[in-house]
Amino acid sequence: MEIDIFPIPHRKEGIARNLDKGFLGILIITYVIAAYKTAQWIVGGNNDFVCVLLTIPIFVGYYALFVLACHGIKTGLYAYFKSHRKEWNSIADREEMEEYIALNLGHIQKKAQEKTATITNTKNAAPIADDTPKRERNVESHSPEEITVTPEALEKLQLKRDIQKAHDELEVFINQVQIDRKQMKEAKDAREARKLEAILKYTRYTLMPHGFTDEELYQIEEAVKLLVELNGVTRMEVLSVSKKKGLKQADLKNFCWNIANQYGINPKTTALFALNLFYAWFSNTEPSSIQKTLRNTAGTYTIEIDANIIEHLPELEEKVLGKNHQ
């Protein structure tokens, strides 16, 4: 890629060439002064000879930066106009063609029909008398615009119209898809919100009968939200859930498994969730041990394994709150 090092003045004598020379002289003087001042600032102004020696490379550096900046601006502008040139030309051609067709539609259709009929008769009919003078009179009676319109031009116009129609249909389709995507996201968010609400009710109704305080239930529900929404685990240092009578490790592991199963959370994260949330029960237990025995079905437990806790929520609510669900 070629980069102009110095601007070249006009070759012809005149005002333009004199202006170019003046601009080039002012530019060079300005950069020499700036380079010398920079050298003085570097040296400290104590040694003029050293300042003069430093002025030359500084001048070259400054001017090189100027040239590169100008070249970058020129390249950017060229790339911008080049990328949009085809689009602008296409729009102008389409507008010009549509305006021409609107003004001469009747003549164009008539000319196309005559052209088609002439071709058909030439192929199928016997030789006829020479009617060159008549056709010449017909040609003279038509305007130049009618003569220049050909079936190829009509085919090109129809192609452009088909492309424009396809573009319009695509735009309508994309707009509709965007609306559908928005509605789908809203519906998904609503389903997730209803699911989370059911999970929190299950948490509350399962643990309330075992003497958990309001503050403890709040902490547990916040930890459940963090688990199911972000797949995260609350640290045990910020929790204060005390041990309750009647609940064993197996009960709490079943409780954690029931919730994690609704969201497909992996056993390792579920084990850490149980350990940190109910640390009073698992203070001497390794996470790997909890992970191996998350699902306890052999025997009878206060909190049983249930893969369908959302469907069975009305029965649990009726059992805990005494509500009658029809």
Protein backbone atom coordinates (compact mmCIF):
# COMPACT_ATOMS: atom_id res chain seq x y z
CA MET A 1 0.00 0.00 0.00
CA GLU A 2 1.51 3.31 -1.09
CA ILE A 3 1.87 6.13 1.43
CA ASP A 4 2.71 9.69 0.32
CA ILE A 5 5.68 10.96 2.36
CA PHE A 6 5.48 14.58 1.22
CA PRO A 7 2.60 16.30 -0.53
CA ILE A 8 3.43 17.02 -4.18
CA PRO A 9 2.50 20.52 -5.39
CA HIS A 10 0.60 21.04 -8.62
CA ARG A 11 2.82 20.77 -11.68
CA LYS A 12 1.24 23.66 -13.52
CA GLU A 13 2.27 27.14 -12.52
CA GLY A 14 -0.44 29.20 -10.91
CA ILE A 15 -2.17 30.05 -7.67
CA ALA A 16 -2.81 26.41 -6.78
CA ARG A 17 0.89 25.53 -7.07
CA ASN A 18 1.90 28.56 -5.00
CA LEU A 19 -0.64 27.67 -2.31
CA ASP A 20 0.68 24.10 -2.22
CA LYS A 21 4.24 25.33 -1.83
CA GLY A 22 3.21 27.75 0.91
CA PHE A 23 1.30 25.07 2.81
CA LEU A 24 4.22 22.63 2.52
CA GLY A 25 6.66 25.28 3.77
CA ILE A 26 4.48 26.21 6.75
CA LEU A 27 4.01 22.54 7.61
CA ILE A 28 7.74 21.81 7.55
CA ILE A 29 8.60 24.94 9.57
CA THR A 30 5.96 24.08 12.14
CA TYR A 31 7.26 20.55 12.58
CA VAL A 32 10.89 21.77 12.78
CA ILE A 33 9.99 24.22 15.54
CA ALA A 34 7.95 21.58 17.37
CA ALA A 35 10.78 19.07 17.07
CA TYR A 36 13.32 21.61 18.37
CA LYS A 37 11.11 22.52 21.32
CA THR A 38 10.69 18.86 22.13
CA ALA A 39 14.45 18.34 21.98
CA GLN A 40 14.95 21.31 24.35
CA TRP A 41 12.43 19.81 26.72
CA ILE A 42 14.22 16.44 26.64
CA VAL A 43 17.74 17.87 27.02
CA GLY A 44 16.73 20.63 29.38
CA GLY A 45 17.82 23.56 27.19
CA ASN A 46 21.45 23.45 28.30
CA ASN A 47 23.10 22.16 25.13
CA ASP A 48 22.06 23.68 21.79
CA PHE A 49 24.18 21.30 19.73
CA VAL A 50 22.53 18.23 21.22
CA CYS A 51 19.12 19.86 20.70
CA VAL A 52 19.89 20.34 17.00
CA LEU A 53 20.98 16.71 16.67
CA LEU A 54 17.80 15.47 18.36
CA THR A 55 15.63 17.76 16.24
CA ILE A 56 16.17 15.69 13.08
CA PRO A 57 14.84 12.30 14.33
CA ILE A 58 12.06 13.99 16.29
CA PHE A 59 11.00 15.91 13.16
CA VAL A 60 10.94 12.69 11.15
CA GLY A 61 8.88 10.97 13.85
CA TYR A 62 6.35 13.80 14.10
CA TYR A 63 5.93 14.01 10.35
CA ALA A 64 5.60 10.24 10.06
CA LEU A 65 2.79 10.27 12.63
CA PHE A 66 1.06 13.04 10.67
CA VAL A 67 1.34 11.12 7.39
CA LEU A 68 0.11 7.88 8.96
CA ALA A 69 -2.86 9.66 10.53
CA CYS A 70 -3.83 11.25 7.20
CA HIS A 71 -3.39 7.93 5.43
CA GLY A 72 -5.58 6.17 8.00
CA ILE A 73 -8.35 8.75 7.59
CA LYS A 74 -8.14 8.47 3.80
CA THR A 75 -8.24 4.66 3.91
CA GLY A 76 -11.21 4.66 6.29
CA LEU A 77 -13.20 7.08 4.13
CA TYR A 78 -12.37 5.09 1.00
CA ALA A 79 -13.48 1.82 2.59
CA TYR A 80 -16.72 3.39 3.84
CA PHE A 81 -17.70 4.83 0.47
CA LYS A 82 -16.64 1.65 -1.34
CA SER A 83 -18.77 -0.56 0.93
CA HIS A 84 -21.86 1.59 0.41
CA ARG A 85 -21.35 2.36 -3.28
CA LYS A 86 -23.20 -0.70 -4.59
CA GLU A 87 -26.16 -0.08 -2.25
CA TRP A 88 -26.42 3.59 -3.26
CA ASN A 89 -26.12 2.77 -6.97
CA SER A 90 -28.75 0.05 -6.66
CA ILE A 91 -31.19 2.41 -4.96
CA ALA A 92 -30.62 5.10 -7.60
CA ASP A 93 -31.03 2.60 -10.48
CA ARG A 94 -34.22 1.19 -9.01
CA GLU A 95 -35.75 4.62 -8.45
CA GLU A 96 -34.81 5.73 -11.97
CA MET A 97 -36.21 2.55 -13.54
CA GLU A 98 -39.48 2.71 -11.57
CA GLU A 99 -39.95 6.36 -12.50
CA TYR A 100 -39.38 5.57 -16.17
CA ILE A 101 -41.78 2.63 -16.10
CA ALA A 102 -44.47 4.71 -14.36
CA LEU A 103 -44.28 7.32 -17.13
CA ASN A 104 -44.17 4.89 -20.08
CA LEU A 105 -46.00 1.78 -18.81
CA GLY A 106 -48.58 1.78 -21.61
CA HIS A 107 -46.03 2.11 -24.39
CA ILE A 108 -43.80 -0.56 -22.81
CA GLN A 109 -46.60 -3.12 -22.60
CA LYS A 110 -47.70 -2.38 -26.17
CA LYS A 111 -44.15 -2.67 -27.48
CA ALA A 112 -43.61 -5.98 -25.65
CA GLN A 113 -46.81 -7.42 -27.08
CA GLU A 114 -45.86 -6.34 -30.61
CA LYS A 115 -42.40 -7.85 -30.18
CA THR A 116 -43.83 -11.16 -28.97
CA ALA A 117 -46.40 -11.30 -31.77
CA THR A 118 -43.75 -10.53 -34.42
CA ILE A 119 -41.47 -13.30 -33.18
CA THR A 120 -44.33 -15.82 -33.11
CA ASN A 121 -45.54 -14.93 -36.63
CA THR A 122 -42.03 -15.10 -38.02
CA LYS A 123 -41.57 -18.64 -36.74
CA ASN A 124 -44.98 -20.04 -37.73
CA ALA A 125 -46.19 -18.07 -40.79
CA ALA A 126 -45.21 -18.34 -44.44
CA PRO A 127 -43.05 -15.58 -46.04
CA ILE A 128 -45.01 -12.41 -46.64
CA ALA A 129 -44.54 -9.35 -48.77
CA ASP A 130 -41.94 -6.84 -47.83
CA ASP A 131 -43.48 -4.19 -45.57
CA THR A 132 -40.29 -2.32 -44.76
CA PRO A 133 -41.70 1.13 -45.65
CA LYS A 134 -44.71 0.55 -43.37
CA ARG A 135 -42.53 -0.59 -40.47
CA GLU A 136 -40.25 2.39 -41.00
CA ARG A 137 -43.27 4.71 -40.78
CA ASN A 138 -44.33 2.96 -37.57
CA VAL A 139 -40.85 3.38 -36.14
CA GLU A 140 -40.88 7.06 -37.00
CA SER A 141 -44.27 7.52 -35.32
CA HIS A 142 -42.99 6.19 -31.98
CA SER A 143 -40.87 8.12 -29.52
CA PRO A 144 -37.19 7.22 -28.95
CA GLU A 145 -38.05 5.95 -25.47
CA GLU A 146 -40.40 3.29 -26.92
CA ILE A 147 -37.76 1.99 -29.30
CA THR A 148 -35.14 1.49 -26.58
CA VAL A 149 -37.37 -0.70 -24.38
CA THR A 150 -36.68 -4.42 -24.98
CA PRO A 151 -37.89 -7.67 -23.40
CA GLU A 152 -34.49 -7.93 -21.70
CA ALA A 153 -35.11 -4.59 -19.98
CA LEU A 154 -38.56 -5.75 -18.86
CA GLU A 155 -37.07 -8.99 -17.56
CA LYS A 156 -34.45 -7.03 -15.64
CA LEU A 157 -37.14 -4.77 -14.17
CA GLN A 158 -39.23 -7.78 -13.15
CA LEU A 159 -36.18 -9.34 -11.50
CA LYS A 160 -35.58 -6.17 -9.48
CA ARG A 161 -39.21 -6.11 -8.44
CA ASP A 162 -39.03 -9.76 -7.37
CA ILE A 163 -35.92 -9.03 -5.32
CA GLN A 164 -37.60 -6.05 -3.68
CA LYS A 165 -40.70 -8.13 -2.93
CA ALA A 166 -38.57 -10.88 -1.40
CA HIS A 167 -36.74 -8.29 0.68
CA ASP A 168 -40.04 -6.85 1.94
CA GLU A 169 -41.36 -10.31 2.77
CA LEU A 170 -38.13 -11.13 4.62
CA GLU A 171 -38.42 -7.94 6.66
CA VAL A 172 -42.02 -8.79 7.61
CA PHE A 173 -40.93 -12.32 8.53
CA ILE A 174 -38.05 -11.10 10.71
CA ASN A 175 -40.34 -8.67 12.53
CA GLN A 176 -42.82 -11.47 13.22
CA VAL A 177 -40.05 -13.81 14.44
CA GLN A 178 -38.81 -11.12 16.82
CA ILE A 179 -42.33 -10.74 18.21
CA ASP A 180 -42.62 -14.52 18.60
CA ARG A 181 -39.25 -14.71 20.33
CA LYS A 182 -40.27 -11.98 22.76
CA GLN A 183 -43.55 -13.75 23.53
CA MET A 184 -41.72 -17.06 23.92
CA LYS A 185 -39.25 -15.48 26.38
CA GLU A 186 -42.07 -13.88 28.34
CA ALA A 187 -43.90 -17.20 28.53
CA LYS A 188 -40.71 -18.99 29.61
CA ASP A 189 -40.01 -16.37 32.29
CA ALA A 190 -43.59 -16.74 33.56
CA ARG A 191 -43.22 -20.54 33.72
CA GLU A 192 -39.91 -20.24 35.56
CA ALA A 193 -41.44 -17.77 38.01
CA ARG A 194 -44.37 -20.12 38.73
CA LYS A 195 -41.96 -23.03 39.11
CA LEU A 196 -39.75 -21.11 41.54
CA GLU A 197 -42.79 -20.04 43.55
CA ALA A 198 -43.86 -23.69 43.83
CA ILE A 199 -40.35 -24.75 44.90
CA LEU A 200 -40.26 -22.09 47.62
CA LYS A 201 -43.70 -23.19 48.86
CA TYR A 202 -42.44 -26.78 48.99
CA THR A 203 -39.42 -25.60 51.00
CA ARG A 204 -41.60 -23.67 53.43
CA TYR A 205 -44.30 -26.32 53.88
CA THR A 206 -41.72 -29.12 54.30
CA LEU A 207 -39.63 -27.41 56.99
CA MET A 208 -42.25 -25.36 58.90
CA PRO A 209 -43.58 -28.32 60.92
CA HIS A 210 -40.09 -29.05 62.30
CA GLY A 211 -39.62 -25.86 64.33
CA PHE A 212 -37.61 -23.67 61.95
CA THR A 213 -37.92 -19.99 62.82
CA ASP A 214 -39.06 -17.31 60.36
CA GLU A 215 -35.48 -16.06 60.02
CA GLU A 216 -34.20 -19.56 59.33
CA LEU A 217 -36.89 -20.22 56.73
CA TYR A 218 -36.00 -16.93 55.03
CA GLN A 219 -32.30 -17.90 54.89
CA ILE A 220 -33.14 -21.33 53.52
CA GLU A 221 -35.41 -19.90 50.80
CA GLU A 222 -32.74 -17.38 49.74
CA ALA A 223 -30.20 -20.22 49.52
CA VAL A 224 -32.67 -22.23 47.38
CA LYS A 225 -33.12 -19.24 45.03
CA LEU A 226 -29.34 -18.96 44.62
CA LEU A 227 -29.09 -22.67 43.87
CA VAL A 228 -31.86 -22.95 41.26
CA GLU A 229 -31.33 -19.56 39.55
CA LEU A 230 -27.52 -19.34 39.48
CA ASN A 231 -26.43 -22.89 40.37
CA GLY A 232 -24.61 -21.34 43.33
CA VAL A 233 -24.11 -22.29 46.97
CA THR A 234 -24.31 -19.94 49.95
CA ARG A 235 -21.35 -20.15 52.32
CA MET A 236 -22.11 -21.65 55.71
CA GLU A 237 -20.44 -18.68 57.46
CA VAL A 238 -23.35 -16.39 56.54
CA LEU A 239 -26.05 -18.90 57.58
CA SER A 240 -27.36 -19.62 61.06
CA VAL A 241 -29.67 -22.63 60.83
CA SER A 242 -29.65 -24.57 64.09
CA LYS A 243 -30.19 -28.31 64.41
CA LYS A 244 -33.79 -29.43 64.93
CA LYS A 245 -35.10 -32.57 66.57
CA GLY A 246 -36.80 -35.11 64.40
CA LEU A 247 -34.72 -34.46 61.28
CA LYS A 248 -31.81 -36.69 60.31
CA GLN A 249 -29.12 -36.31 57.69
CA ALA A 250 -31.01 -38.59 55.33
CA ASP A 251 -34.13 -36.39 55.59
CA LEU A 252 -32.21 -33.25 54.65
CA LYS A 253 -30.35 -35.02 51.83
CA ASN A 254 -33.71 -36.15 50.43
CA PHE A 255 -35.01 -32.58 50.74
CA CYS A 256 -32.01 -31.19 48.80
CA TRP A 257 -32.26 -33.93 46.17
CA ASN A 258 -35.97 -33.24 45.60
CA ILE A 259 -35.24 -29.58 44.84
CA ALA A 260 -32.09 -30.15 42.76
CA ASN A 261 -33.86 -32.83 40.70
CA GLN A 262 -36.40 -30.27 39.41
CA TYR A 263 -33.58 -28.27 37.77
CA GLY A 264 -31.14 -31.04 36.84
CA ILE A 265 -28.45 -29.79 39.23
CA ASN A 266 -25.44 -32.12 39.47
CA PRO A 267 -24.86 -34.22 42.63
CA LYS A 268 -21.61 -32.44 43.57
CA THR A 269 -23.29 -29.03 43.74
CA THR A 270 -26.28 -30.54 45.56
CA ALA A 271 -23.97 -32.10 48.18
CA LEU A 272 -22.22 -28.75 48.79
CA PHE A 273 -25.63 -27.08 49.04
CA ALA A 274 -26.74 -29.55 51.75
CA LEU A 275 -23.44 -29.29 53.64
CA ASN A 276 -23.39 -25.48 53.75
CA LEU A 277 -27.11 -24.94 54.35
CA PHE A 278 -27.50 -27.57 57.07
CA TYR A 279 -23.99 -27.46 58.51
CA ALA A 280 -25.29 -28.22 62.01
CA TRP A 281 -26.16 -31.74 60.77
CA PHE A 282 -23.14 -32.28 58.49
CA SER A 283 -20.29 -30.60 60.39
CA ASN A 284 -18.28 -33.83 60.52
CA THR A 285 -19.21 -35.12 57.07
CA GLU A 286 -17.24 -34.87 53.85
CA PRO A 287 -18.98 -33.57 50.69
CA SER A 288 -18.05 -36.78 48.85
CA SER A 289 -19.91 -38.86 51.44
CA ILE A 290 -23.01 -36.70 51.08
CA GLN A 291 -22.80 -36.93 47.29
CA LYS A 292 -22.79 -40.75 47.39
CA THR A 293 -25.93 -40.96 49.59
CA LEU A 294 -28.06 -38.04 48.39
CA ARG A 295 -31.05 -40.22 47.52
CA ASN A 296 -32.33 -42.37 50.41
CA THR A 297 -35.28 -44.64 49.66
CA ALA A 298 -34.66 -47.70 51.83
CA GLY A 299 -36.65 -47.26 55.01
CA THR A 300 -39.04 -44.61 56.30
CA TYR A 301 -38.01 -40.96 56.52
CA THR A 302 -39.66 -37.76 57.65
CA ILE A 303 -38.87 -36.22 54.27
CA GLU A 304 -39.30 -38.81 51.52
CA ILE A 305 -37.79 -38.84 48.05
CA ASP A 306 -40.29 -37.27 45.61
CA ALA A 307 -39.42 -36.57 41.97
CA ASN A 308 -42.75 -34.75 41.44
CA ILE A 309 -42.86 -32.30 44.33
CA ILE A 310 -44.56 -29.60 42.22
CA GLU A 311 -47.44 -31.91 41.22
CA HIS A 312 -47.80 -33.10 44.82
CA LEU A 313 -47.65 -29.58 46.27
CA PRO A 314 -51.47 -29.30 46.80
CA GLU A 315 -51.45 -32.44 48.98
CA LEU A 316 -48.50 -31.11 51.00
CA GLU A 317 -50.21 -27.73 51.43
CA GLU A 318 -53.41 -29.42 52.58
CA LYS A 319 -51.44 -31.55 55.03
CA VAL A 320 -49.51 -28.61 56.53
CA LEU A 321 -52.06 -25.77 56.35
CA GLY A 322 -55.26 -27.80 56.47
CA LYS A 323 -56.55 -26.39 53.16
CA ASN A 324 -59.01 -28.44 51.13
CA HIS A 325 -58.08 -28.62 47.43
CA GLN A 326 -60.72 -29.83 45.03
